[in-house]
Protein backbone atom coordinates (compact mmCIF):
# COMPACT_ATOMS: atom_id res chain seq x y z
CA UNK A 1 6.49 213.39 77.28
CA UNK A 2 6.86 217.06 78.15
CA UNK A 3 8.67 219.74 76.19
CA UNK A 4 11.46 219.60 78.73
CA UNK A 5 11.87 215.83 78.36
CA UNK A 6 11.97 216.22 74.58
CA UNK A 7 14.58 218.97 74.79
CA UNK A 8 16.68 216.80 77.09
CA UNK A 9 17.03 214.35 74.18
CA UNK A 10 19.42 216.91 72.68
CA UNK A 11 19.80 218.28 69.17
CA UNK A 12 18.71 216.18 66.21
CA UNK A 13 15.78 214.07 65.11
CA UNK A 14 14.30 211.69 67.66
CA UNK A 15 11.69 208.96 67.22
CA UNK A 16 8.83 209.58 69.61
CA UNK A 17 5.69 207.88 70.82
CA UNK A 18 2.73 209.96 69.61
CA UNK A 19 0.63 209.33 72.68
CA UNK A 20 3.44 210.44 74.99
CA UNK A 21 4.24 213.60 73.00
CA UNK A 22 0.81 214.46 71.59
CA UNK A 23 0.54 217.85 73.29
CA UNK A 24 3.84 218.99 71.76
CA UNK A 25 2.91 217.60 68.32
CA UNK A 26 -0.51 219.27 68.49
CA UNK A 27 1.05 222.60 69.44
CA UNK A 28 3.38 222.50 66.42
CA UNK A 29 0.62 221.27 64.10
CA UNK A 30 -1.70 224.05 65.27
CA UNK A 31 0.95 226.75 64.79
CA UNK A 32 1.64 225.49 61.26
CA UNK A 33 -2.08 225.40 60.41
CA UNK A 34 -2.67 228.92 61.76
CA UNK A 35 0.28 230.25 59.72
CA UNK A 36 -0.81 228.50 56.50
CA UNK A 37 -4.16 229.73 55.13
CA UNK A 38 -4.67 226.60 52.99
CA UNK A 39 -4.56 224.29 56.03
CA UNK A 40 -7.39 223.65 58.43
CA UNK A 41 -6.33 223.25 62.06
CA UNK A 42 -7.26 220.01 63.76
CA UNK A 43 -9.74 220.34 66.59
CA UNK A 44 -7.93 218.45 69.33
CA UNK A 45 -4.84 216.45 70.25
CA UNK A 46 -7.03 213.32 70.03
CA UNK A 47 -7.89 214.09 66.40
CA UNK A 48 -4.17 214.39 65.55
CA UNK A 49 -3.35 211.23 67.49
CA UNK A 50 -6.12 209.30 65.71
CA UNK A 51 -4.87 210.54 62.32
CA UNK A 52 -1.26 209.55 63.00
CA UNK A 53 -1.86 206.28 64.86
CA UNK A 54 -5.29 204.79 64.16
CA UNK A 55 -5.70 205.92 60.57
CA UNK A 56 -2.10 205.60 59.40
CA UNK A 57 0.09 203.86 62.00
CA UNK A 58 2.93 206.25 61.14
CA UNK A 59 6.40 206.50 62.62
CA UNK A 60 6.86 209.92 64.17
CA UNK A 61 9.88 212.08 64.88
CA UNK A 62 10.55 215.41 66.58
CA UNK A 63 13.46 217.66 65.70
CA UNK A 64 15.40 219.77 68.20
CA UNK A 65 17.89 222.41 67.07
CA UNK A 66 21.29 223.20 68.56
CA UNK A 67 19.87 226.08 70.60
CA UNK A 68 17.46 223.85 72.51
CA UNK A 69 14.22 224.49 70.60
CA UNK A 70 11.70 221.98 69.30
CA UNK A 71 11.52 223.05 65.66
CA UNK A 72 9.27 220.52 63.96
CA UNK A 73 7.99 217.02 63.43
CA UNK A 74 7.87 214.39 60.74
CA UNK A 75 5.49 211.45 60.24
CA UNK A 76 6.28 208.69 57.75
CA UNK A 77 4.81 205.34 56.78
CA UNK A 78 5.35 202.52 54.33
CA UNK A 79 3.13 203.25 51.35
CA UNK A 80 3.86 200.14 49.32
CA UNK A 81 6.74 197.74 48.69
CA UNK A 82 8.75 200.39 46.81
CA UNK A 83 7.59 203.66 48.42
CA UNK A 84 7.53 205.46 51.72
CA UNK A 85 5.10 208.32 52.32
CA UNK A 86 5.77 211.49 54.23
CA UNK A 87 2.41 211.82 55.92
CA UNK A 88 3.13 215.04 57.81
CA UNK A 89 5.97 217.51 57.87
CA UNK A 90 5.50 220.39 60.25
CA UNK A 91 8.14 223.03 60.89
CA UNK A 92 7.24 225.56 63.58
CA UNK A 93 6.70 228.86 61.70
CA UNK A 94 9.16 230.58 64.08
CA UNK A 95 11.91 228.28 62.71
CA UNK A 96 11.03 228.09 59.02
CA UNK A 97 13.58 229.13 56.43
CA UNK A 98 16.52 227.82 58.46
CA UNK A 99 16.96 224.40 56.83
CA UNK A 100 14.99 222.35 59.38
CA UNK A 101 12.34 221.18 56.89
CA UNK A 102 15.05 220.13 54.47
CA UNK A 103 16.90 218.29 57.26
CA UNK A 104 13.73 216.38 58.15
CA UNK A 105 13.11 215.50 54.49
CA UNK A 106 16.75 214.36 54.13
CA UNK A 107 16.18 212.19 57.20
CA UNK A 108 13.00 210.76 55.62
CA UNK A 109 14.93 209.90 52.47
CA UNK A 110 17.62 208.19 54.55
CA UNK A 111 14.95 206.17 56.37
CA UNK A 112 13.39 205.14 53.06
CA UNK A 113 16.74 203.96 51.71
CA UNK A 114 17.40 201.99 54.92
CA UNK A 115 14.03 200.26 54.38
CA UNK A 116 14.96 199.40 50.79
CA UNK A 117 12.54 201.90 49.27
CA UNK A 118 13.32 203.61 45.96
CA UNK A 119 10.67 206.31 46.12
CA UNK A 120 9.14 208.83 48.49
CA UNK A 121 5.71 210.30 48.00
CA UNK A 122 3.76 213.02 49.77
CA UNK A 123 0.51 214.87 49.37
CA UNK A 124 -0.17 218.59 49.80
CA UNK A 125 -3.04 220.99 49.19
CA UNK A 126 -2.92 222.62 45.74
CA UNK A 127 -3.33 225.98 47.52
CA UNK A 128 -0.29 225.48 49.77
CA UNK A 129 2.10 227.44 47.55
CA UNK A 130 4.92 227.59 50.12
CA UNK A 131 4.97 223.81 50.54
CA UNK A 132 4.72 223.28 46.78
CA UNK A 133 7.72 225.54 46.20
CA UNK A 134 9.68 223.84 48.98
CA UNK A 135 9.05 220.31 47.68
CA UNK A 136 9.93 221.29 44.11
CA UNK A 137 13.14 222.97 45.34
CA UNK A 138 14.29 219.74 47.00
CA UNK A 139 13.64 217.59 43.94
CA UNK A 140 10.04 216.39 44.27
CA UNK A 141 7.79 216.30 41.20
CA UNK A 142 4.02 216.58 40.99
CA UNK A 143 2.80 213.31 39.49
CA UNK A 144 -0.93 213.83 39.87
CA UNK A 145 -3.63 216.22 41.01
CA UNK A 146 -6.18 214.28 43.04
CA UNK A 147 -9.68 215.66 43.45
CA UNK A 148 -11.20 215.65 46.95
CA UNK A 149 -8.28 213.49 48.17
CA UNK A 150 -9.19 213.55 51.87
CA UNK A 151 -12.94 213.91 51.35
CA UNK A 152 -12.89 217.56 52.41
CA UNK A 153 -13.60 219.01 48.96
CA UNK A 154 -9.99 220.16 48.51
CA UNK A 155 -7.73 218.98 45.70
CA UNK A 156 -4.23 217.76 46.50
CA UNK A 157 -1.00 217.37 44.58
CA UNK A 158 0.74 214.04 44.89
CA UNK A 159 4.50 214.49 44.77
CA UNK A 160 7.14 211.82 44.26
CA UNK A 161 10.90 211.62 44.27
CA UNK A 162 13.08 208.70 43.27
CA UNK A 163 15.88 208.25 45.78
């Protein structure tokens, strides 16, 4: 799926097939990683695809704004019977601070409720101060600091929010 095909979907949040839209997802993910010192960029579209599909089997969404831009993506998965996890939230740095991240998180909460979940969880690097501030501002609470969570030597905060 090309950028043009994604834009033709119109404004809003659209469920996408990772393999069809991997180049667009990778571009956003790479821009976010380059703009966030605490994140390490993935090496290839295949690495991102494997993470989202093979390792986690997540549902994935792209968001278009009213001006015809692709502004970000969201990946979610069922964590357990009561919780959904936001695996990835990536807002293109050129569009941050305009409410798109919040809109995607509101969408994730709506999805969780539709699935009968009462809780959303997510994980972020303890050094990612912008993300930490954002999640706290929208009602998420740190419930645990996990050492070496992804096996990369970095600690992560686990956030949760009852919905």
